[in-house]
Amino acid sequence: EASMVGVLLTFGYPEAVAAAATIVIRVGTLWYAAALGTAVFLTYKATR
């Protein structure tokens, strides 16, 4: 996360925007994977 914020700061984004964008991206990717994994698991469980 620190490197993502650092890259955004290098591109000229304000510190608050860089931190917020990093948090949004990390939470989004985490929950996308969790939802996809849950859907696959439930589909697999329902077909057995």
N, C-alpha and C. Protein backbone atom coordinates (compact mmCIF):
# COMPACT_ATOMS: atom_id res chain seq x y z
N GLU A 1 0.81 -1.18 0.00
CA GLU A 1 0.00 0.00 0.00
C GLU A 1 0.87 1.26 0.00
N ALA A 2 1.94 1.20 0.72
CA ALA A 2 2.82 2.37 0.78
C ALA A 2 3.40 2.68 -0.59
N SER A 3 3.74 1.65 -1.34
CA SER A 3 4.30 1.91 -2.67
C SER A 3 3.23 2.46 -3.62
N MET A 4 1.98 2.00 -3.48
CA MET A 4 0.91 2.55 -4.31
C MET A 4 0.70 4.03 -4.01
N VAL A 5 0.70 4.37 -2.74
CA VAL A 5 0.55 5.78 -2.36
C VAL A 5 1.75 6.57 -2.87
N GLY A 6 2.92 6.00 -2.76
CA GLY A 6 4.13 6.68 -3.24
C GLY A 6 4.09 6.96 -4.73
N VAL A 7 3.62 5.99 -5.50
CA VAL A 7 3.50 6.20 -6.95
C VAL A 7 2.50 7.30 -7.26
N LEU A 8 1.36 7.28 -6.60
CA LEU A 8 0.36 8.33 -6.82
C LEU A 8 0.88 9.70 -6.42
N LEU A 9 1.64 9.76 -5.34
CA LEU A 9 2.24 11.03 -4.93
C LEU A 9 3.25 11.50 -5.97
N THR A 10 4.00 10.57 -6.54
CA THR A 10 4.97 10.92 -7.58
C THR A 10 4.28 11.52 -8.80
N PHE A 11 3.08 11.03 -9.11
CA PHE A 11 2.32 11.56 -10.24
C PHE A 11 1.62 12.87 -9.91
N GLY A 12 1.75 13.35 -8.68
CA GLY A 12 1.23 14.66 -8.33
C GLY A 12 -0.12 14.68 -7.64
N TYR A 13 -0.63 13.53 -7.24
CA TYR A 13 -1.91 13.51 -6.53
C TYR A 13 -1.70 13.97 -5.08
N PRO A 14 -2.69 14.65 -4.51
CA PRO A 14 -2.58 15.02 -3.09
C PRO A 14 -2.52 13.78 -2.20
N GLU A 15 -1.93 13.93 -1.04
CA GLU A 15 -1.74 12.79 -0.14
C GLU A 15 -3.06 12.14 0.26
N ALA A 16 -4.08 12.94 0.55
CA ALA A 16 -5.38 12.40 0.96
C ALA A 16 -6.03 11.61 -0.17
N VAL A 17 -5.92 12.11 -1.39
CA VAL A 17 -6.51 11.41 -2.54
C VAL A 17 -5.76 10.11 -2.80
N ALA A 18 -4.44 10.14 -2.70
CA ALA A 18 -3.64 8.93 -2.92
C ALA A 18 -3.97 7.86 -1.89
N ALA A 19 -4.10 8.24 -0.63
CA ALA A 19 -4.42 7.28 0.42
C ALA A 19 -5.83 6.73 0.24
N ALA A 20 -6.79 7.60 -0.07
CA ALA A 20 -8.17 7.15 -0.25
C ALA A 20 -8.30 6.22 -1.45
N ALA A 21 -7.64 6.56 -2.54
CA ALA A 21 -7.71 5.71 -3.74
C ALA A 21 -7.10 4.34 -3.46
N THR A 22 -6.00 4.31 -2.73
CA THR A 22 -5.37 3.04 -2.39
C THR A 22 -6.29 2.17 -1.54
N ILE A 23 -6.94 2.77 -0.57
CA ILE A 23 -7.85 2.02 0.29
C ILE A 23 -9.04 1.49 -0.51
N VAL A 24 -9.60 2.32 -1.37
CA VAL A 24 -10.74 1.89 -2.19
C VAL A 24 -10.34 0.73 -3.10
N ILE A 25 -9.18 0.83 -3.71
CA ILE A 25 -8.71 -0.23 -4.62
C ILE A 25 -8.49 -1.52 -3.85
N ARG A 26 -7.84 -1.45 -2.70
CA ARG A 26 -7.57 -2.66 -1.92
C ARG A 26 -8.85 -3.31 -1.41
N VAL A 27 -9.76 -2.52 -0.89
CA VAL A 27 -11.03 -3.08 -0.40
C VAL A 27 -11.83 -3.68 -1.56
N GLY A 28 -11.85 -2.99 -2.68
CA GLY A 28 -12.57 -3.51 -3.85
C GLY A 28 -12.03 -4.83 -4.34
N THR A 29 -10.72 -4.95 -4.45
CA THR A 29 -10.14 -6.20 -4.93
C THR A 29 -10.32 -7.32 -3.92
N LEU A 30 -10.25 -7.00 -2.64
CA LEU A 30 -10.45 -8.01 -1.60
C LEU A 30 -11.86 -8.56 -1.65
N TRP A 31 -12.86 -7.69 -1.69
CA TRP A 31 -14.24 -8.14 -1.65
C TRP A 31 -14.68 -8.76 -2.97
N TYR A 32 -14.08 -8.34 -4.09
CA TYR A 32 -14.37 -8.99 -5.36
C TYR A 32 -13.93 -10.45 -5.30
N ALA A 33 -12.74 -10.69 -4.82
CA ALA A 33 -12.24 -12.07 -4.71
C ALA A 33 -13.05 -12.88 -3.72
N ALA A 34 -13.43 -12.28 -2.61
CA ALA A 34 -14.23 -13.00 -1.61
C ALA A 34 -15.60 -13.36 -2.17
N ALA A 35 -16.24 -12.44 -2.88
CA ALA A 35 -17.56 -12.72 -3.46
C ALA A 35 -17.46 -13.78 -4.55
N LEU A 36 -16.44 -13.70 -5.38
CA LEU A 36 -16.26 -14.68 -6.44
C LEU A 36 -16.01 -16.07 -5.85
N GLY A 37 -15.15 -16.14 -4.84
CA GLY A 37 -14.87 -17.41 -4.19
C GLY A 37 -16.10 -18.01 -3.53
N THR A 38 -16.90 -17.19 -2.89
CA THR A 38 -18.13 -17.65 -2.25
C THR A 38 -19.11 -18.17 -3.29
N ALA A 39 -19.25 -17.46 -4.41
CA ALA A 39 -20.16 -17.89 -5.47
C ALA A 39 -19.73 -19.23 -6.05
N VAL A 40 -18.46 -19.39 -6.29
CA VAL A 40 -17.95 -20.65 -6.84
C VAL A 40 -18.15 -21.78 -5.83
N PHE A 41 -17.87 -21.52 -4.56
CA PHE A 41 -18.04 -22.53 -3.53
C PHE A 41 -19.50 -22.97 -3.41
N LEU A 42 -20.41 -21.99 -3.40
CA LEU A 42 -21.82 -22.33 -3.25
C LEU A 42 -22.34 -23.06 -4.49
N THR A 43 -21.88 -22.68 -5.67
CA THR A 43 -22.27 -23.37 -6.90
C THR A 43 -21.77 -24.81 -6.89
N TYR A 44 -20.52 -24.98 -6.47
CA TYR A 44 -19.95 -26.32 -6.38
C TYR A 44 -20.71 -27.17 -5.37
N LYS A 45 -21.01 -26.58 -4.23
CA LYS A 45 -21.71 -27.30 -3.16
C LYS A 45 -23.13 -27.68 -3.60
N ALA A 46 -23.78 -26.81 -4.37
CA ALA A 46 -25.16 -27.07 -4.81
C ALA A 46 -25.22 -28.16 -5.88
N THR A 47 -24.14 -28.35 -6.62
CA THR A 47 -24.14 -29.35 -7.68
C THR A 47 -23.71 -30.72 -7.19
N ARG A 48 -23.34 -30.82 -5.97
CA ARG A 48 -22.88 -32.12 -5.44
C ARG A 48 -23.95 -32.81 -4.68
